[in-house]
């Protein structure tokens, strides 16, 4: 049991929670995008599943681009302020 506890302490729980929250938000937004446009139809479950996955992956890509851009700007600011 001690091995499990020490191994669990090594995880970055804040990062895990943030990723979980991001995934939930992406899924929720993709479902809202479909349902608000009236695309939800019980007979088209395959099409709906494909669209949900496509929208969620698009939201994920957009979020990752924004996060990387913000991290790059922070890195640049830190790099230039050290030299001054």
PDB file of N, CA and C in Angstrom:
ATOM      1  N   UNK A   1       0.814  -1.195   0.000  1.00  0.00           N
ATOM      2  CA  UNK A   1       0.000   0.000   0.000  1.00  0.00           C
ATOM      3  C   UNK A   1       0.861   1.265   0.000  1.00  0.00           C
ATOM      4  N   UNK A   2       2.009   1.211   0.677  1.00  0.00           N
ATOM      5  CA  UNK A   2       2.889   2.375   0.705  1.00  0.00           C
ATOM      6  C   UNK A   2       3.427   2.695  -0.685  1.00  0.00           C
ATOM      7  N   UNK A   3       3.715   1.647  -1.469  1.00  0.00           N
ATOM      8  CA  UNK A   3       4.222   1.867  -2.823  1.00  0.00           C
ATOM      9  C   UNK A   3       3.195   2.605  -3.672  1.00  0.00           C
ATOM     10  N   UNK A   4       1.943   2.247  -3.502  1.00  0.00           N
ATOM     11  CA  UNK A   4       0.886   2.909  -4.268  1.00  0.00           C
ATOM     12  C   UNK A   4       0.771   4.371  -3.849  1.00  0.00           C
ATOM     13  N   UNK A   5       0.821   4.630  -2.549  1.00  0.00           N
ATOM     14  CA  UNK A   5       0.709   6.011  -2.071  1.00  0.00           C
ATOM     15  C   UNK A   5       1.876   6.870  -2.533  1.00  0.00           C
ATOM     16  N   UNK A   6       3.088   6.321  -2.480  1.00  0.00           N
ATOM     17  CA  UNK A   6       4.237   7.117  -2.915  1.00  0.00           C
ATOM     18  C   UNK A   6       4.208   7.345  -4.422  1.00  0.00           C
ATOM     19  N   UNK A   7       3.727   6.358  -5.163  1.00  0.00           N
ATOM     20  CA  UNK A   7       3.623   6.523  -6.606  1.00  0.00           C
ATOM     21  C   UNK A   7       2.537   7.550  -6.954  1.00  0.00           C
ATOM     22  N   UNK A   8       1.434   7.529  -6.218  1.00  0.00           N
ATOM     23  CA  UNK A   8       0.339   8.471  -6.468  1.00  0.00           C
ATOM     24  C   UNK A   8       0.753   9.900  -6.155  1.00  0.00           C
ATOM     25  N   UNK A   9       1.645  10.085  -5.211  1.00  0.00           N
ATOM     26  CA  UNK A   9       2.111  11.429  -4.874  1.00  0.00           C
ATOM     27  C   UNK A   9       2.968  12.031  -5.982  1.00  0.00           C
ATOM     28  N   UNK A  10       3.562  11.181  -6.815  1.00  0.00           N
ATOM     29  CA  UNK A  10       4.428  11.670  -7.876  1.00  0.00           C
ATOM     30  C   UNK A  10       3.649  12.245  -9.054  1.00  0.00           C
ATOM     31  N   UNK A  11       2.365  11.916  -9.137  1.00  0.00           N
ATOM     32  CA  UNK A  11       1.565  12.425 -10.244  1.00  0.00           C
ATOM     33  C   UNK A  11       1.298  13.907 -10.075  1.00  0.00           C
ATOM     34  N   UNK A  12       1.184  14.587 -11.186  1.00  0.00           N
ATOM     35  CA  UNK A  12       0.828  15.998 -11.173  1.00  0.00           C
ATOM     36  C   UNK A  12      -0.701  16.075 -11.214  1.00  0.00           C
ATOM     37  N   UNK A  13      -1.320  16.065 -10.037  1.00  0.00           N
ATOM     38  CA  UNK A  13      -2.773  15.981  -9.952  1.00  0.00           C
ATOM     39  C   UNK A  13      -3.445  17.220 -10.514  1.00  0.00           C
ATOM     40  N   UNK A  14      -2.815  18.364 -10.414  1.00  0.00           N
ATOM     41  CA  UNK A  14      -3.397  19.588 -10.985  1.00  0.00           C
ATOM     42  C   UNK A  14      -3.485  19.473 -12.504  1.00  0.00           C
ATOM     43  N   UNK A  15      -2.448  18.918 -13.122  1.00  0.00           N
ATOM     44  CA  UNK A  15      -2.456  18.727 -14.574  1.00  0.00           C
ATOM     45  C   UNK A  15      -3.501  17.697 -14.984  1.00  0.00           C
ATOM     46  N   UNK A  16      -3.612  16.616 -14.221  1.00  0.00           N
ATOM     47  CA  UNK A  16      -4.611  15.588 -14.518  1.00  0.00           C
ATOM     48  C   UNK A  16      -6.011  16.164 -14.412  1.00  0.00           C
ATOM     49  N   UNK A  17      -6.274  16.933 -13.369  1.00  0.00           N
ATOM     50  CA  UNK A  17      -7.590  17.550 -13.203  1.00  0.00           C
ATOM     51  C   UNK A  17      -7.871  18.540 -14.326  1.00  0.00           C
ATOM     52  N   UNK A  18      -6.870  19.315 -14.713  1.00  0.00           N
ATOM     53  CA  UNK A  18      -7.049  20.294 -15.788  1.00  0.00           C
ATOM     54  C   UNK A  18      -7.379  19.597 -17.107  1.00  0.00           C
ATOM     55  N   UNK A  19      -6.694  18.502 -17.393  1.00  0.00           N
ATOM     56  CA  UNK A  19      -6.977  17.752 -18.625  1.00  0.00           C
ATOM     57  C   UNK A  19      -8.382  17.142 -18.588  1.00  0.00           C
ATOM     58  N   UNK A  20      -8.791  16.648 -17.415  1.00  0.00           N
ATOM     59  CA  UNK A  20     -10.122  16.082 -17.267  1.00  0.00           C
ATOM     60  C   UNK A  20     -11.182  17.160 -17.499  1.00  0.00           C
ATOM     61  N   UNK A  21     -10.958  18.321 -16.924  1.00  0.00           N
ATOM     62  CA  UNK A  21     -11.894  19.430 -17.089  1.00  0.00           C
ATOM     63  C   UNK A  21     -11.955  19.880 -18.551  1.00  0.00           C
ATOM     64  N   UNK A  22     -10.802  19.958 -19.208  1.00  0.00           N
ATOM     65  CA  UNK A  22     -10.778  20.333 -20.625  1.00  0.00           C
ATOM     66  C   UNK A  22     -11.562  19.340 -21.479  1.00  0.00           C
ATOM     67  N   UNK A  23     -11.378  18.048 -21.220  1.00  0.00           N
ATOM     68  CA  UNK A  23     -12.095  17.028 -21.984  1.00  0.00           C
ATOM     69  C   UNK A  23     -13.591  17.137 -21.771  1.00  0.00           C
ATOM     70  N   UNK A  24     -14.005  17.381 -20.529  1.00  0.00           N
ATOM     71  CA  UNK A  24     -15.426  17.538 -20.236  1.00  0.00           C
ATOM     72  C   UNK A  24     -16.001  18.748 -20.966  1.00  0.00           C
ATOM     73  N   UNK A  25     -15.287  19.853 -20.931  1.00  0.00           N
ATOM     74  CA  UNK A  25     -15.765  21.077 -21.597  1.00  0.00           C
ATOM     75  C   UNK A  25     -15.848  20.869 -23.102  1.00  0.00           C
ATOM     76  N   UNK A  26     -14.867  20.201 -23.684  1.00  0.00           N
ATOM     77  CA  UNK A  26     -14.880  19.953 -25.127  1.00  0.00           C
ATOM     78  C   UNK A  26     -16.076  19.093 -25.526  1.00  0.00           C
ATOM     79  N   UNK A  27     -16.348  18.053 -24.756  1.00  0.00           N
ATOM     80  CA  UNK A  27     -17.495  17.201 -25.042  1.00  0.00           C
ATOM     81  C   UNK A  27     -18.807  17.938 -24.878  1.00  0.00           C
ATOM     82  N   UNK A  28     -18.902  18.744 -23.814  1.00  0.00           N
ATOM     83  CA  UNK A  28     -20.124  19.506 -23.564  1.00  0.00           C
ATOM     84  C   UNK A  28     -20.364  20.529 -24.677  1.00  0.00           C
ATOM     85  N   UNK A  29     -19.324  21.236 -25.079  1.00  0.00           N
ATOM     86  CA  UNK A  29     -19.481  22.234 -26.136  1.00  0.00           C
ATOM     87  C   UNK A  29     -19.847  21.603 -27.475  1.00  0.00           C
ATOM     88  N   UNK A  30     -19.256  20.451 -27.762  1.00  0.00           N
ATOM     89  CA  UNK A  30     -19.598  19.801 -29.026  1.00  0.00           C
ATOM     90  C   UNK A  30     -21.035  19.302 -29.016  1.00  0.00           C
ATOM     91  N   UNK A  31     -21.508  18.787 -27.883  1.00  0.00           N
ATOM     92  CA  UNK A  31     -22.905  18.356 -27.807  1.00  0.00           C
ATOM     93  C   UNK A  31     -23.843  19.546 -27.926  1.00  0.00           C
ATOM     94  N   UNK A  32     -23.504  20.654 -27.259  1.00  0.00           N
ATOM     95  CA  UNK A  32     -24.340  21.854 -27.359  1.00  0.00           C
ATOM     96  C   UNK A  32     -24.388  22.377 -28.788  1.00  0.00           C
ATOM     97  N   UNK A  33     -23.251  22.311 -29.481  1.00  0.00           N
ATOM     98  CA  UNK A  33     -23.224  22.782 -30.868  1.00  0.00           C
ATOM     99  C   UNK A  33     -24.168  21.961 -31.735  1.00  0.00           C
ATOM    100  N   UNK A  34     -24.215  20.664 -31.488  1.00  0.00           N
ATOM    101  CA  UNK A  34     -25.116  19.814 -32.270  1.00  0.00           C
ATOM    102  C   UNK A  34     -26.574  20.015 -31.867  1.00  0.00           C
ATOM    103  N   UNK A  35     -26.841  20.047 -30.570  1.00  0.00           N
ATOM    104  CA  UNK A  35     -28.229  20.114 -30.122  1.00  0.00           C
ATOM    105  C   UNK A  35     -28.858  21.472 -30.403  1.00  0.00           C
ATOM    106  N   UNK A  36     -28.082  22.540 -30.320  1.00  0.00           N
ATOM    107  CA  UNK A  36     -28.642  23.868 -30.611  1.00  0.00           C
ATOM    108  C   UNK A  36     -28.960  24.033 -32.091  1.00  0.00           C
ATOM    109  N   UNK A  37     -28.266  23.290 -32.929  1.00  0.00           N
ATOM    110  CA  UNK A  37     -28.540  23.353 -34.368  1.00  0.00           C
ATOM    111  C   UNK A  37     -29.601  22.346 -34.792  1.00  0.00           C
ATOM    112  N   UNK A  38     -30.152  21.604 -33.853  1.00  0.00           N
ATOM    113  CA  UNK A  38     -31.214  20.656 -34.150  1.00  0.00           C
ATOM    114  C   UNK A  38     -30.764  19.421 -34.897  1.00  0.00           C
ATOM    115  N   UNK A  39     -29.504  19.029 -34.748  1.00  0.00           N
ATOM    116  CA  UNK A  39     -28.981  17.883 -35.487  1.00  0.00           C
ATOM    117  C   UNK A  39     -29.218  16.579 -34.724  1.00  0.00           C
ATOM    118  N   UNK A  40     -29.586  16.660 -33.445  1.00  0.00           N
ATOM    119  CA  UNK A  40     -29.758  15.436 -32.668  1.00  0.00           C
ATOM    120  C   UNK A  40     -30.988  14.678 -33.141  1.00  0.00           C
ATOM    121  N   UNK A  41     -30.768  13.460 -33.591  1.00  0.00           N
ATOM    122  CA  UNK A  41     -31.828  12.591 -34.073  1.00  0.00           C
ATOM    123  C   UNK A  41     -31.490  11.176 -33.625  1.00  0.00           C
ATOM    124  N   UNK A  42     -32.370  10.514 -32.872  1.00  0.00           N
ATOM    125  CA  UNK A  42     -32.046   9.170 -32.368  1.00  0.00           C
ATOM    126  C   UNK A  42     -31.743   8.165 -33.473  1.00  0.00           C
ATOM    127  N   UNK A  43     -32.247   8.377 -34.666  1.00  0.00           N
ATOM    128  CA  UNK A  43     -32.004   7.434 -35.758  1.00  0.00           C
ATOM    129  C   UNK A  43     -30.614   7.589 -36.357  1.00  0.00           C
ATOM    130  N   UNK A  44     -29.988   8.726 -36.179  1.00  0.00           N
ATOM    131  CA  UNK A  44     -28.668   8.994 -36.757  1.00  0.00           C
ATOM    132  C   UNK A  44     -27.576   8.985 -35.686  1.00  0.00           C
ATOM    133  N   UNK A  45     -27.555   7.944 -34.851  1.00  0.00           N
ATOM    134  CA  UNK A  45     -26.610   7.889 -33.739  1.00  0.00           C
ATOM    135  C   UNK A  45     -25.162   7.811 -34.229  1.00  0.00           C
ATOM    136  N   UNK A  46     -24.927   7.144 -35.354  1.00  0.00           N
ATOM    137  CA  UNK A  46     -23.558   7.039 -35.877  1.00  0.00           C
ATOM    138  C   UNK A  46     -23.086   8.403 -36.368  1.00  0.00           C
ATOM    139  N   UNK A  47     -23.927   9.086 -37.117  1.00  0.00           N
ATOM    140  CA  UNK A  47     -23.572  10.413 -37.619  1.00  0.00           C
ATOM    141  C   UNK A  47     -23.354  11.383 -36.468  1.00  0.00           C
ATOM    142  N   UNK A  48     -24.230  11.308 -35.473  1.00  0.00           N
ATOM    143  CA  UNK A  48     -24.100  12.195 -34.320  1.00  0.00           C
ATOM    144  C   UNK A  48     -22.804  11.921 -33.569  1.00  0.00           C
ATOM    145  N   UNK A  49     -22.451  10.658 -33.407  1.00  0.00           N
ATOM    146  CA  UNK A  49     -21.202  10.309 -32.714  1.00  0.00           C
ATOM    147  C   UNK A  49     -19.988  10.823 -33.472  1.00  0.00           C
ATOM    148  N   UNK A  50     -20.006  10.683 -34.792  1.00  0.00           N
ATOM    149  CA  UNK A  50     -18.893  11.187 -35.598  1.00  0.00           C
ATOM    150  C   UNK A  50     -18.774  12.701 -35.500  1.00  0.00           C
ATOM    151  N   UNK A  51     -19.915  13.379 -35.552  1.00  0.00           N
ATOM    152  CA  UNK A  51     -19.882  14.837 -35.452  1.00  0.00           C
ATOM    153  C   UNK A  51     -19.414  15.296 -34.072  1.00  0.00           C
ATOM    154  N   UNK A  52     -19.873  14.612 -33.011  1.00  0.00           N
ATOM    155  CA  UNK A  52     -19.421  14.966 -31.662  1.00  0.00           C
ATOM    156  C   UNK A  52     -17.912  14.826 -31.539  1.00  0.00           C
ATOM    157  N   UNK A  53     -17.368  13.727 -32.053  1.00  0.00           N
ATOM    158  CA  UNK A  53     -15.925  13.518 -32.000  1.00  0.00           C
ATOM    159  C   UNK A  53     -15.164  14.548 -32.807  1.00  0.00           C
ATOM    160  N   UNK A  54     -15.686  14.877 -33.985  1.00  0.00           N
ATOM    161  CA  UNK A  54     -15.010  15.858 -34.835  1.00  0.00           C
ATOM    162  C   UNK A  54     -15.018  17.247 -34.202  1.00  0.00           C
ATOM    163  N   UNK A  55     -16.151  17.639 -33.655  1.00  0.00           N
ATOM    164  CA  UNK A  55     -16.239  18.961 -33.027  1.00  0.00           C
ATOM    165  C   UNK A  55     -15.352  19.012 -31.786  1.00  0.00           C
ATOM    166  N   UNK A  56     -15.384  17.956 -30.970  1.00  0.00           N
ATOM    167  CA  UNK A  56     -14.560  17.927 -29.756  1.00  0.00           C
ATOM    168  C   UNK A  56     -13.070  17.985 -30.095  1.00  0.00           C
ATOM    169  N   UNK A  57     -12.658  17.280 -31.142  1.00  0.00           N
ATOM    170  CA  UNK A  57     -11.234  17.325 -31.505  1.00  0.00           C
ATOM    171  C   UNK A  57     -10.857  18.693 -32.065  1.00  0.00           C
ATOM    172  N   UNK A  58     -11.768  19.345 -32.758  1.00  0.00           N
ATOM    173  CA  UNK A  58     -11.508  20.707 -33.226  1.00  0.00           C
ATOM    174  C   UNK A  58     -11.364  21.683 -32.076  1.00  0.00           C
ATOM    175  N   UNK A  59     -12.229  21.550 -31.069  1.00  0.00           N
ATOM    176  CA  UNK A  59     -12.133  22.408 -29.879  1.00  0.00           C
ATOM    177  C   UNK A  59     -10.824  22.136 -29.154  1.00  0.00           C
ATOM    178  N   UNK A  60     -10.441  20.857 -29.064  1.00  0.00           N
ATOM    179  CA  UNK A  60      -9.183  20.484 -28.412  1.00  0.00           C
ATOM    180  C   UNK A  60      -7.987  21.103 -29.132  1.00  0.00           C
ATOM    181  N   UNK A  61      -8.002  21.040 -30.450  1.00  0.00           N
ATOM    182  CA  UNK A  61      -6.900  21.629 -31.219  1.00  0.00           C
ATOM    183  C   UNK A  61      -6.834  23.134 -31.004  1.00  0.00           C
ATOM    184  N   UNK A  62      -7.974  23.791 -31.002  1.00  0.00           N
ATOM    185  CA  UNK A  62      -7.998  25.244 -30.783  1.00  0.00           C
ATOM    186  C   UNK A  62      -7.495  25.593 -29.387  1.00  0.00           C
ATOM    187  N   UNK A  63      -7.919  24.817 -28.389  1.00  0.00           N
ATOM    188  CA  UNK A  63      -7.461  25.079 -27.014  1.00  0.00           C
ATOM    189  C   UNK A  63      -5.953  24.884 -26.897  1.00  0.00           C
ATOM    190  N   UNK A  64      -5.428  23.829 -27.518  1.00  0.00           N
ATOM    191  CA  UNK A  64      -3.989  23.574 -27.446  1.00  0.00           C
ATOM    192  C   UNK A  64      -3.184  24.656 -28.153  1.00  0.00           C
ATOM    193  N   UNK A  65      -3.685  25.157 -29.267  1.00  0.00           N
ATOM    194  CA  UNK A  65      -3.000  26.249 -29.965  1.00  0.00           C
ATOM    195  C   UNK A  65      -2.965  27.492 -29.091  1.00  0.00           C
ATOM    196  N   UNK A  66      -4.083  27.815 -28.457  1.00  0.00           N
ATOM    197  CA  UNK A  66      -4.128  28.993 -27.580  1.00  0.00           C
ATOM    198  C   UNK A  66      -3.208  28.830 -26.380  1.00  0.00           C
ATOM    199  N   UNK A  67      -3.209  27.647 -25.785  1.00  0.00           N
ATOM    200  CA  UNK A  67      -2.345  27.408 -24.623  1.00  0.00           C
ATOM    201  C   UNK A  67      -0.879  27.506 -25.011  1.00  0.00           C
ATOM    202  N   UNK A  68      -0.490  26.919 -26.137  1.00  0.00           N
ATOM    203  CA  UNK A  68       0.899  26.993 -26.581  1.00  0.00           C
ATOM    204  C   UNK A  68       1.305  28.427 -26.899  1.00  0.00           C
ATOM    205  N   UNK A  69       0.404  29.180 -27.484  1.00  0.00           N
ATOM    206  CA  UNK A  69       0.706  30.582 -27.794  1.00  0.00           C
ATOM    207  C   UNK A  69       0.922  31.382 -26.511  1.00  0.00           C
ATOM    208  N   UNK A  70       0.073  31.147 -25.513  1.00  0.00           N
ATOM    209  CA  UNK A  70       0.226  31.857 -24.242  1.00  0.00           C
ATOM    210  C   UNK A  70       1.523  31.460 -23.549  1.00  0.00           C
ATOM    211  N   UNK A  71       1.865  30.163 -23.574  1.00  0.00           N
ATOM    212  CA  UNK A  71       3.108  29.715 -22.955  1.00  0.00           C
ATOM    213  C   UNK A  71       4.330  30.297 -23.675  1.00  0.00           C
ATOM    214  N   UNK A  72       4.260  30.388 -24.995  1.00  0.00           N
ATOM    215  CA  UNK A  72       5.367  30.949 -25.763  1.00  0.00           C
ATOM    216  C   UNK A  72       5.556  32.424 -25.426  1.00  0.00           C
ATOM    217  N   UNK A  73       4.461  33.151 -25.306  1.00  0.00           N
ATOM    218  CA  UNK A  73       4.568  34.576 -24.960  1.00  0.00           C
ATOM    219  C   UNK A  73       5.147  34.764 -23.565  1.00  0.00           C
ATOM    220  N   UNK A  74       4.731  33.904 -22.617  1.00  0.00           N
ATOM    221  CA  UNK A  74       5.295  33.995 -21.273  1.00  0.00           C
ATOM    222  C   UNK A  74       6.786  33.684 -21.287  1.00  0.00           C
ATOM    223  N   UNK A  75       7.177  32.683 -22.055  1.00  0.00           N
ATOM    224  CA  UNK A  75       8.585  32.330 -22.152  1.00  0.00           C
ATOM    225  C   UNK A  75       9.390  33.474 -22.751  1.00  0.00           C
ATOM    226  N   UNK A  76       8.851  34.101 -23.806  1.00  0.00           N
ATOM    227  CA  UNK A  76       9.543  35.221 -24.428  1.00  0.00           C
ATOM    228  C   UNK A  76       9.689  36.396 -23.466  1.00  0.00           C
ATOM    229  N   UNK A  77       8.630  36.687 -22.722  1.00  0.00           N
ATOM    230  CA  UNK A  77       8.700  37.777 -21.754  1.00  0.00           C
ATOM    231  C   UNK A  77       9.745  37.502 -20.679  1.00  0.00           C
ATOM    232  N   UNK A  78       9.793  36.273 -20.194  1.00  0.00           N
ATOM    233  CA  UNK A  78      10.789  35.921 -19.178  1.00  0.00           C
ATOM    234  C   UNK A  78      12.195  35.988 -19.741  1.00  0.00           C
ATOM    235  N   UNK A  79      12.366  35.563 -20.990  1.00  0.00           N
ATOM    236  CA  UNK A  79      13.688  35.566 -21.614  1.00  0.00           C
ATOM    237  C   UNK A  79      14.218  36.983 -21.796  1.00  0.00           C
ATOM    238  N   UNK A  80      13.345  37.875 -22.239  1.00  0.00           N
ATOM    239  CA  UNK A  80      13.805  39.245 -22.495  1.00  0.00           C
ATOM    240  C   UNK A  80      13.946  40.064 -21.232  1.00  0.00           C
ATOM    241  N   UNK A  81      13.151  39.779 -20.214  1.00  0.00           N
ATOM    242  CA  UNK A  81      13.257  40.562 -18.995  1.00  0.00           C
ATOM    243  C   UNK A  81      14.486  40.162 -18.188  1.00  0.00           C
ATOM    244  N   UNK A  82      15.018  38.948 -18.359  1.00  0.00           N
ATOM    245  CA  UNK A  82      16.226  38.545 -17.685  1.00  0.00           C
ATOM    246  C   UNK A  82      17.437  39.323 -18.191  1.00  0.00           C
ATOM    247  N   UNK A  83      17.428  39.649 -19.484  1.00  0.00           N
ATOM    248  CA  UNK A  83      18.555  40.354 -20.083  1.00  0.00           C
ATOM    249  C   UNK A  83      18.586  41.825 -19.709  1.00  0.00           C
ATOM    250  N   UNK A  84      17.466  42.361 -19.316  1.00  0.00           N
ATOM    251  CA  UNK A  84      17.397  43.812 -19.027  1.00  0.00           C
ATOM    252  C   UNK A  84      17.872  44.119 -17.647  1.00  0.00           C
TER     253      UNK A  84
END
